[in-house]
């Protein structure tokens, strides 16, 4: 099956509709290649000679509503499942310019046993790709290998643009190396909301990182002794420094 892109399950209008809604579509050898319609989730199932005719599935989704402002973060979840073979790679192909913030891996996605492990420091970062590798994770018994990736979107991302992404895996069988890129899992760049716009303005003024999720504006508002003096002095220093 050698590193193929999506040989696409979109040869007919019906197939386009299925992909746009994220429905799993099997790939046949005679299917023509085309770009899938953008959606928040896509799932592709296939079998080949090396899998003994047993099916495997690669799926990917955008967490949230599929929109993100320039400079903000977006999270994807990529999953691989199948008929019992081992998987030793799961790959996420991200849009150009995206910067990895965090990666987590879950190699046994079963009810009651969903354990995420931080793999940010161990994933392999390539050109527009992040790859988690292992000795071999099982798909037997309904096991699902899942990779969650969070990226910072470039500050200069064009508002209104739709940015596609992809996924891939290596199944430990003959010719089990499978890439689907692009896959039609898209995020749309939107205008920043007032909170995001304000956070960017504060950073430009030298106030440091703004954590809007926790409600903190300047980071810690107290030093270890609980005094505001050092914080206020640092803020004023940043402002005067940027005004000079």
C-alpha atoms as a PDB file:
ATOM      1  CA  UNK A   1       0.000   0.000   0.000  1.00  0.00           C
ATOM      2  CA  UNK A   2       3.187   2.182   0.100  1.00  0.00           C
ATOM      3  CA  UNK A   3       2.689   5.732   1.376  1.00  0.00           C
ATOM      4  CA  UNK A   4      -0.274   6.575  -0.727  1.00  0.00           C
ATOM      5  CA  UNK A   5      -2.341   9.677  -0.501  1.00  0.00           C
ATOM      6  CA  UNK A   6      -6.129   9.430  -0.419  1.00  0.00           C
ATOM      7  CA  UNK A   7      -6.944   7.565  -3.669  1.00  0.00           C
ATOM      8  CA  UNK A   8     -10.133   8.945  -3.132  1.00  0.00           C
ATOM      9  CA  UNK A   9     -13.506   7.861  -2.021  1.00  0.00           C
ATOM     10  CA  UNK A  10     -14.943  10.893  -3.766  1.00  0.00           C
ATOM     11  CA  UNK A  11     -15.395   9.633  -7.303  1.00  0.00           C
ATOM     12  CA  UNK A  12     -19.137  10.253  -7.101  1.00  0.00           C
ATOM     13  CA  UNK A  13     -21.357  12.936  -5.635  1.00  0.00           C
ATOM     14  CA  UNK A  14     -22.592  10.452  -3.033  1.00  0.00           C
ATOM     15  CA  UNK A  15     -19.031   9.837  -1.890  1.00  0.00           C
ATOM     16  CA  UNK A  16     -18.389  13.563  -1.570  1.00  0.00           C
ATOM     17  CA  UNK A  17     -21.396  13.874   0.699  1.00  0.00           C
ATOM     18  CA  UNK A  18     -20.202  10.970   2.833  1.00  0.00           C
ATOM     19  CA  UNK A  19     -16.746  12.460   3.288  1.00  0.00           C
ATOM     20  CA  UNK A  20     -18.097  15.923   4.057  1.00  0.00           C
ATOM     21  CA  UNK A  21     -20.111  14.473   6.931  1.00  0.00           C
ATOM     22  CA  UNK A  22     -17.226  12.417   8.247  1.00  0.00           C
ATOM     23  CA  UNK A  23     -18.689   9.018   7.372  1.00  0.00           C
ATOM     24  CA  UNK A  24     -16.223   6.157   6.964  1.00  0.00           C
ATOM     25  CA  UNK A  25     -15.664   5.280   3.309  1.00  0.00           C
ATOM     26  CA  UNK A  26     -13.768   2.231   2.084  1.00  0.00           C
ATOM     27  CA  UNK A  27     -11.127   2.703  -0.612  1.00  0.00           C
ATOM     28  CA  UNK A  28     -11.075   0.529  -3.687  1.00  0.00           C
ATOM     29  CA  UNK A  29      -8.124   0.108  -6.025  1.00  0.00           C
ATOM     30  CA  UNK A  30     -10.007   1.677  -8.921  1.00  0.00           C
ATOM     31  CA  UNK A  31     -11.143   4.802  -7.069  1.00  0.00           C
ATOM     32  CA  UNK A  32     -10.009   8.028  -8.726  1.00  0.00           C
ATOM     33  CA  UNK A  33      -7.979  10.612  -6.782  1.00  0.00           C
ATOM     34  CA  UNK A  34      -9.645  13.879  -5.819  1.00  0.00           C
ATOM     35  CA  UNK A  35      -9.554  16.336  -2.937  1.00  0.00           C
ATOM     36  CA  UNK A  36     -12.151  15.645  -0.226  1.00  0.00           C
ATOM     37  CA  UNK A  37     -14.509  18.372   0.914  1.00  0.00           C
ATOM     38  CA  UNK A  38     -13.527  20.162   4.136  1.00  0.00           C
ATOM     39  CA  UNK A  39     -15.088  18.824   7.333  1.00  0.00           C
ATOM     40  CA  UNK A  40     -14.395  18.739  11.074  1.00  0.00           C
ATOM     41  CA  UNK A  41     -13.911  14.968  11.003  1.00  0.00           C
ATOM     42  CA  UNK A  42     -12.949  12.420   8.371  1.00  0.00           C
ATOM     43  CA  UNK A  43     -12.531   8.661   8.511  1.00  0.00           C
ATOM     44  CA  UNK A  44     -11.054   6.350   5.861  1.00  0.00           C
ATOM     45  CA  UNK A  45     -11.183   2.552   5.974  1.00  0.00           C
ATOM     46  CA  UNK A  46      -9.240   0.243   3.662  1.00  0.00           C
ATOM     47  CA  UNK A  47      -7.889  -3.275   3.306  1.00  0.00           C
ATOM     48  CA  UNK A  48      -5.110  -4.565   1.068  1.00  0.00           C
ATOM     49  CA  UNK A  49      -3.194  -7.731   0.293  1.00  0.00           C
ATOM     50  CA  UNK A  50      -0.838  -7.378   3.267  1.00  0.00           C
ATOM     51  CA  UNK A  51      -3.747  -7.078   5.709  1.00  0.00           C
ATOM     52  CA  UNK A  52      -5.202 -10.405   4.517  1.00  0.00           C
ATOM     53  CA  UNK A  53      -8.296  -8.505   3.454  1.00  0.00           C
ATOM     54  CA  UNK A  54      -9.007  -7.256   6.986  1.00  0.00           C
ATOM     55  CA  UNK A  55      -9.962  -3.571   7.305  1.00  0.00           C
ATOM     56  CA  UNK A  56      -8.122  -0.786   9.136  1.00  0.00           C
ATOM     57  CA  UNK A  57      -9.281   2.764   9.745  1.00  0.00           C
ATOM     58  CA  UNK A  58      -7.494   6.110  10.030  1.00  0.00           C
ATOM     59  CA  UNK A  59      -9.615   8.970  11.347  1.00  0.00           C
ATOM     60  CA  UNK A  60      -8.977  12.558  12.326  1.00  0.00           C
ATOM     61  CA  UNK A  61     -11.012  15.350  13.880  1.00  0.00           C
ATOM     62  CA  UNK A  62     -10.675  18.976  14.897  1.00  0.00           C
ATOM     63  CA  UNK A  63     -11.575  19.589  18.536  1.00  0.00           C
ATOM     64  CA  UNK A  64     -14.106  22.409  18.868  1.00  0.00           C
ATOM     65  CA  UNK A  65     -15.955  24.325  16.180  1.00  0.00           C
ATOM     66  CA  UNK A  66     -13.179  24.210  13.591  1.00  0.00           C
ATOM     67  CA  UNK A  67     -12.331  27.918  13.726  1.00  0.00           C
ATOM     68  CA  UNK A  68      -9.236  29.560  15.158  1.00  0.00           C
ATOM     69  CA  UNK A  69      -7.842  33.097  15.262  1.00  0.00           C
ATOM     70  CA  UNK A  70      -4.269  33.949  14.219  1.00  0.00           C
ATOM     71  CA  UNK A  71      -1.882  33.366  17.111  1.00  0.00           C
ATOM     72  CA  UNK A  72      -4.293  31.072  18.983  1.00  0.00           C
ATOM     73  CA  UNK A  73      -4.218  27.281  19.373  1.00  0.00           C
ATOM     74  CA  UNK A  74      -6.100  24.442  17.702  1.00  0.00           C
ATOM     75  CA  UNK A  75      -6.229  20.769  18.674  1.00  0.00           C
ATOM     76  CA  UNK A  76      -6.591  17.657  16.502  1.00  0.00           C
ATOM     77  CA  UNK A  77      -7.141  14.010  17.454  1.00  0.00           C
ATOM     78  CA  UNK A  78      -5.916  11.309  15.061  1.00  0.00           C
ATOM     79  CA  UNK A  79      -6.890   7.666  15.600  1.00  0.00           C
ATOM     80  CA  UNK A  80      -5.966   4.295  14.122  1.00  0.00           C
ATOM     81  CA  UNK A  81      -8.033   1.155  14.639  1.00  0.00           C
ATOM     82  CA  UNK A  82      -8.397  -2.187  12.948  1.00  0.00           C
ATOM     83  CA  UNK A  83      -8.433  -5.935  13.014  1.00  0.00           C
ATOM     84  CA  UNK A  84      -5.704  -6.875  15.456  1.00  0.00           C
ATOM     85  CA  UNK A  85      -2.362  -5.966  13.875  1.00  0.00           C
ATOM     86  CA  UNK A  86       0.233  -3.844  15.642  1.00  0.00           C
ATOM     87  CA  UNK A  87       0.781  -0.185  14.830  1.00  0.00           C
ATOM     88  CA  UNK A  88       4.206   1.376  15.427  1.00  0.00           C
ATOM     89  CA  UNK A  89       3.592   4.891  14.071  1.00  0.00           C
ATOM     90  CA  UNK A  90       0.757   7.374  14.098  1.00  0.00           C
ATOM     91  CA  UNK A  91       1.247  10.579  12.118  1.00  0.00           C
ATOM     92  CA  UNK A  92      -0.381  13.981  12.085  1.00  0.00           C
ATOM     93  CA  UNK A  93       0.177  16.255   9.082  1.00  0.00           C
ATOM     94  CA  UNK A  94      -0.497  19.862  10.028  1.00  0.00           C
ATOM     95  CA  UNK A  95      -0.804  23.056   7.953  1.00  0.00           C
ATOM     96  CA  UNK A  96       2.418  24.905   7.139  1.00  0.00           C
ATOM     97  CA  UNK A  97       3.564  27.286   9.859  1.00  0.00           C
ATOM     98  CA  UNK A  98       1.728  25.564  12.711  1.00  0.00           C
ATOM     99  CA  UNK A  99       3.915  25.234  15.823  1.00  0.00           C
ATOM    100  CA  UNK A 100       3.495  22.204  18.096  1.00  0.00           C
ATOM    101  CA  UNK A 101       2.556  23.167  21.648  1.00  0.00           C
ATOM    102  CA  UNK A 102       1.624  19.780  23.119  1.00  0.00           C
ATOM    103  CA  UNK A 103       1.231  16.158  22.042  1.00  0.00           C
ATOM    104  CA  UNK A 104      -0.476  13.348  23.949  1.00  0.00           C
ATOM    105  CA  UNK A 105      -0.760   9.668  23.121  1.00  0.00           C
ATOM    106  CA  UNK A 106      -3.392   7.117  24.090  1.00  0.00           C
ATOM    107  CA  UNK A 107      -2.600   3.581  22.955  1.00  0.00           C
ATOM    108  CA  UNK A 108      -5.543   1.714  24.405  1.00  0.00           C
ATOM    109  CA  UNK A 109      -8.714   3.659  23.716  1.00  0.00           C
ATOM    110  CA  UNK A 110     -11.157   1.393  25.523  1.00  0.00           C
ATOM    111  CA  UNK A 111     -14.033   2.194  27.881  1.00  0.00           C
ATOM    112  CA  UNK A 112     -12.633   2.561  31.392  1.00  0.00           C
ATOM    113  CA  UNK A 113      -9.037   2.558  30.199  1.00  0.00           C
ATOM    114  CA  UNK A 114      -8.452   5.900  28.471  1.00  0.00           C
ATOM    115  CA  UNK A 115      -5.017   6.984  29.631  1.00  0.00           C
ATOM    116  CA  UNK A 116      -3.351   9.955  27.949  1.00  0.00           C
ATOM    117  CA  UNK A 117       0.427  10.334  28.177  1.00  0.00           C
ATOM    118  CA  UNK A 118       2.346  13.492  27.316  1.00  0.00           C
ATOM    119  CA  UNK A 119       4.706  12.776  24.404  1.00  0.00           C
ATOM    120  CA  UNK A 120       5.553  16.366  23.448  1.00  0.00           C
ATOM    121  CA  UNK A 121       9.272  15.793  23.970  1.00  0.00           C
ATOM    122  CA  UNK A 122       9.469  12.421  22.248  1.00  0.00           C
ATOM    123  CA  UNK A 123       7.470  12.865  19.033  1.00  0.00           C
ATOM    124  CA  UNK A 124       9.403  13.276  15.803  1.00  0.00           C
ATOM    125  CA  UNK A 125       8.832  16.687  14.246  1.00  0.00           C
ATOM    126  CA  UNK A 126       9.199  16.781  10.488  1.00  0.00           C
ATOM    127  CA  UNK A 127       8.236  19.194   7.740  1.00  0.00           C
ATOM    128  CA  UNK A 128       4.589  19.923   8.577  1.00  0.00           C
ATOM    129  CA  UNK A 129       4.293  16.634  10.463  1.00  0.00           C
ATOM    130  CA  UNK A 130       4.390  15.179  13.958  1.00  0.00           C
ATOM    131  CA  UNK A 131       4.976  11.438  14.384  1.00  0.00           C
ATOM    132  CA  UNK A 132       4.594   9.317  17.524  1.00  0.00           C
ATOM    133  CA  UNK A 133       6.517   6.041  17.380  1.00  0.00           C
ATOM    134  CA  UNK A 134       6.556   2.907  19.511  1.00  0.00           C
ATOM    135  CA  UNK A 135       7.502  -0.749  19.594  1.00  0.00           C
ATOM    136  CA  UNK A 136       4.004  -1.747  18.535  1.00  0.00           C
ATOM    137  CA  UNK A 137       0.537  -0.899  19.845  1.00  0.00           C
ATOM    138  CA  UNK A 138      -2.259  -3.391  19.379  1.00  0.00           C
ATOM    139  CA  UNK A 139      -5.543  -2.881  17.577  1.00  0.00           C
ATOM    140  CA  UNK A 140      -6.840  -6.196  18.939  1.00  0.00           C
ATOM    141  CA  UNK A 141      -9.973  -6.269  21.051  1.00  0.00           C
ATOM    142  CA  UNK A 142     -11.151  -2.889  19.818  1.00  0.00           C
ATOM    143  CA  UNK A 143      -7.966  -1.104  20.852  1.00  0.00           C
ATOM    144  CA  UNK A 144      -7.515   2.338  19.280  1.00  0.00           C
ATOM    145  CA  UNK A 145      -4.267   4.300  19.018  1.00  0.00           C
ATOM    146  CA  UNK A 146      -4.925   8.021  19.428  1.00  0.00           C
ATOM    147  CA  UNK A 147      -2.620  11.024  19.025  1.00  0.00           C
ATOM    148  CA  UNK A 148      -3.769  14.437  20.251  1.00  0.00           C
ATOM    149  CA  UNK A 149      -1.804  17.410  18.912  1.00  0.00           C
ATOM    150  CA  UNK A 150      -2.192  21.071  19.843  1.00  0.00           C
ATOM    151  CA  UNK A 151      -0.642  23.767  17.660  1.00  0.00           C
ATOM    152  CA  UNK A 152      -0.190  27.518  17.743  1.00  0.00           C
ATOM    153  CA  UNK A 153      -1.501  29.055  14.529  1.00  0.00           C
ATOM    154  CA  UNK A 154       0.836  31.599  12.875  1.00  0.00           C
ATOM    155  CA  UNK A 155       0.227  35.222  13.844  1.00  0.00           C
ATOM    156  CA  UNK A 156       0.013  36.134  10.163  1.00  0.00           C
ATOM    157  CA  UNK A 157      -2.525  33.446   9.193  1.00  0.00           C
ATOM    158  CA  UNK A 158      -4.992  34.823   6.634  1.00  0.00           C
ATOM    159  CA  UNK A 159      -8.477  35.381   8.045  1.00  0.00           C
ATOM    160  CA  UNK A 160     -11.040  33.406   6.055  1.00  0.00           C
ATOM    161  CA  UNK A 161      -8.602  30.764   4.811  1.00  0.00           C
ATOM    162  CA  UNK A 162      -9.380  27.064   5.199  1.00  0.00           C
ATOM    163  CA  UNK A 163      -6.318  25.058   6.172  1.00  0.00           C
ATOM    164  CA  UNK A 164      -6.346  21.341   5.378  1.00  0.00           C
ATOM    165  CA  UNK A 165      -4.429  18.622   7.208  1.00  0.00           C
ATOM    166  CA  UNK A 166      -3.792  14.892   7.061  1.00  0.00           C
ATOM    167  CA  UNK A 167      -2.960  11.725   8.938  1.00  0.00           C
ATOM    168  CA  UNK A 168      -1.004   8.521   8.557  1.00  0.00           C
ATOM    169  CA  UNK A 169       0.148   5.332  10.209  1.00  0.00           C
ATOM    170  CA  UNK A 170       2.421   2.331   9.857  1.00  0.00           C
ATOM    171  CA  UNK A 171       0.682  -0.976  10.433  1.00  0.00           C
ATOM    172  CA  UNK A 172       3.115  -3.785  11.166  1.00  0.00           C
ATOM    173  CA  UNK A 173       2.104  -5.901   8.206  1.00  0.00           C
ATOM    174  CA  UNK A 174       3.467  -6.178   4.682  1.00  0.00           C
ATOM    175  CA  UNK A 175       3.080  -2.809   2.930  1.00  0.00           C
ATOM    176  CA  UNK A 176       1.167  -1.312   5.840  1.00  0.00           C
ATOM    177  CA  UNK A 177       2.590   2.196   5.479  1.00  0.00           C
ATOM    178  CA  UNK A 178      -0.362   4.540   4.905  1.00  0.00           C
ATOM    179  CA  UNK A 179      -0.577   8.327   4.532  1.00  0.00           C
ATOM    180  CA  UNK A 180      -3.740  10.313   3.792  1.00  0.00           C
ATOM    181  CA  UNK A 181      -2.620  13.868   3.146  1.00  0.00           C
ATOM    182  CA  UNK A 182      -4.536  16.031   2.588  1.00  0.00           C
ATOM    183  CA  UNK A 183      -7.479  14.408   4.296  1.00  0.00           C
ATOM    184  CA  UNK A 184     -10.091  17.158   4.240  1.00  0.00           C
ATOM    185  CA  UNK A 185      -9.906  17.880   7.981  1.00  0.00           C
ATOM    186  CA  UNK A 186      -9.852  21.666   7.929  1.00  0.00           C
ATOM    187  CA  UNK A 187      -9.751  24.634  10.271  1.00  0.00           C
ATOM    188  CA  UNK A 188     -10.980  28.058   9.223  1.00  0.00           C
ATOM    189  CA  UNK A 189      -9.025  31.128  10.309  1.00  0.00           C
ATOM    190  CA  UNK A 190     -11.374  33.733  11.825  1.00  0.00           C
ATOM    191  CA  UNK A 191     -11.062  37.216  13.219  1.00  0.00           C
ATOM    192  CA  UNK A 192      -9.815  37.373  16.832  1.00  0.00           C
ATOM    193  CA  UNK A 193     -12.528  37.968  19.415  1.00  0.00           C
ATOM    194  CA  UNK A 194     -12.142  40.939  21.831  1.00  0.00           C
ATOM    195  CA  UNK A 195     -10.410  38.840  24.499  1.00  0.00           C
ATOM    196  CA  UNK A 196      -7.917  37.395  21.999  1.00  0.00           C
ATOM    197  CA  UNK A 197      -7.300  40.804  20.436  1.00  0.00           C
ATOM    198  CA  UNK A 198      -6.724  42.335  23.871  1.00  0.00           C
ATOM    199  CA  UNK A 199      -4.328  39.575  24.843  1.00  0.00           C
ATOM    200  CA  UNK A 200      -2.266  40.237  21.735  1.00  0.00           C
ATOM    201  CA  UNK A 201      -2.156  43.951  22.486  1.00  0.00           C
ATOM    202  CA  UNK A 202      -0.907  43.342  26.028  1.00  0.00           C
ATOM    203  CA  UNK A 203       1.839  41.054  24.756  1.00  0.00           C
ATOM    204  CA  UNK A 204       2.891  43.678  22.193  1.00  0.00           C
ATOM    205  CA  UNK A 205       3.197  46.222  25.024  1.00  0.00           C
ATOM    206  CA  UNK A 206       5.602  43.947  26.878  1.00  0.00           C
ATOM    207  CA  UNK A 207       3.331  42.576  29.586  1.00  0.00           C
ATOM    208  CA  UNK A 208       4.400  39.033  28.799  1.00  0.00           C
ATOM    209  CA  UNK A 209       2.264  36.016  28.162  1.00  0.00           C
ATOM    210  CA  UNK A 210      -1.428  36.439  28.783  1.00  0.00           C
ATOM    211  CA  UNK A 211      -3.321  33.397  30.030  1.00  0.00           C
ATOM    212  CA  UNK A 212      -6.957  34.152  29.237  1.00  0.00           C
ATOM    213  CA  UNK A 213      -8.074  30.632  30.069  1.00  0.00           C
ATOM    214  CA  UNK A 214      -7.148  30.911  33.751  1.00  0.00           C
ATOM    215  CA  UNK A 215      -8.281  34.497  34.131  1.00  0.00           C
ATOM    216  CA  UNK A 216      -4.727  35.703  34.813  1.00  0.00           C
ATOM    217  CA  UNK A 217      -3.555  38.759  32.927  1.00  0.00           C
ATOM    218  CA  UNK A 218       0.067  39.283  33.933  1.00  0.00           C
ATOM    219  CA  UNK A 219       0.886  35.764  35.069  1.00  0.00           C
ATOM    220  CA  UNK A 220       1.335  35.522  38.853  1.00  0.00           C
ATOM    221  CA  UNK A 221       0.159  38.728  40.504  1.00  0.00           C
ATOM    222  CA  UNK A 222       2.299  38.198  43.586  1.00  0.00           C
ATOM    223  CA  UNK A 223       5.916  37.362  44.236  1.00  0.00           C
ATOM    224  CA  UNK A 224       6.723  34.517  46.679  1.00  0.00           C
ATOM    225  CA  UNK A 225       6.321  36.957  49.624  1.00  0.00           C
ATOM    226  CA  UNK A 226       2.945  38.136  48.404  1.00  0.00           C
ATOM    227  CA  UNK A 227       4.122  41.653  47.533  1.00  0.00           C
ATOM    228  CA  UNK A 228       2.861  43.461  44.425  1.00  0.00           C
ATOM    229  CA  UNK A 229       5.932  45.697  44.281  1.00  0.00           C
ATOM    230  CA  UNK A 230       8.086  43.556  42.015  1.00  0.00           C
ATOM    231  CA  UNK A 231       5.217  42.847  39.642  1.00  0.00           C
ATOM    232  CA  UNK A 232       4.272  46.516  39.281  1.00  0.00           C
ATOM    233  CA  UNK A 233       7.920  47.479  38.857  1.00  0.00           C
ATOM    234  CA  UNK A 234       8.370  44.893  36.131  1.00  0.00           C
ATOM    235  CA  UNK A 235       5.251  46.058  34.303  1.00  0.00           C
ATOM    236  CA  UNK A 236       6.312  49.699  34.378  1.00  0.00           C
ATOM    237  CA  UNK A 237       9.788  48.710  33.206  1.00  0.00           C
ATOM    238  CA  UNK A 238       8.355  46.868  30.219  1.00  0.00           C
ATOM    239  CA  UNK A 239       6.107  49.779  29.271  1.00  0.00           C
ATOM    240  CA  UNK A 240       8.851  52.404  29.559  1.00  0.00           C
ATOM    241  CA  UNK A 241      11.268  50.151  27.713  1.00  0.00           C
ATOM    242  CA  UNK A 242       8.899  49.748  24.780  1.00  0.00           C
ATOM    243  CA  UNK A 243       8.167  53.481  24.666  1.00  0.00           C
ATOM    244  CA  UNK A 244      11.830  54.482  24.408  1.00  0.00           C
END
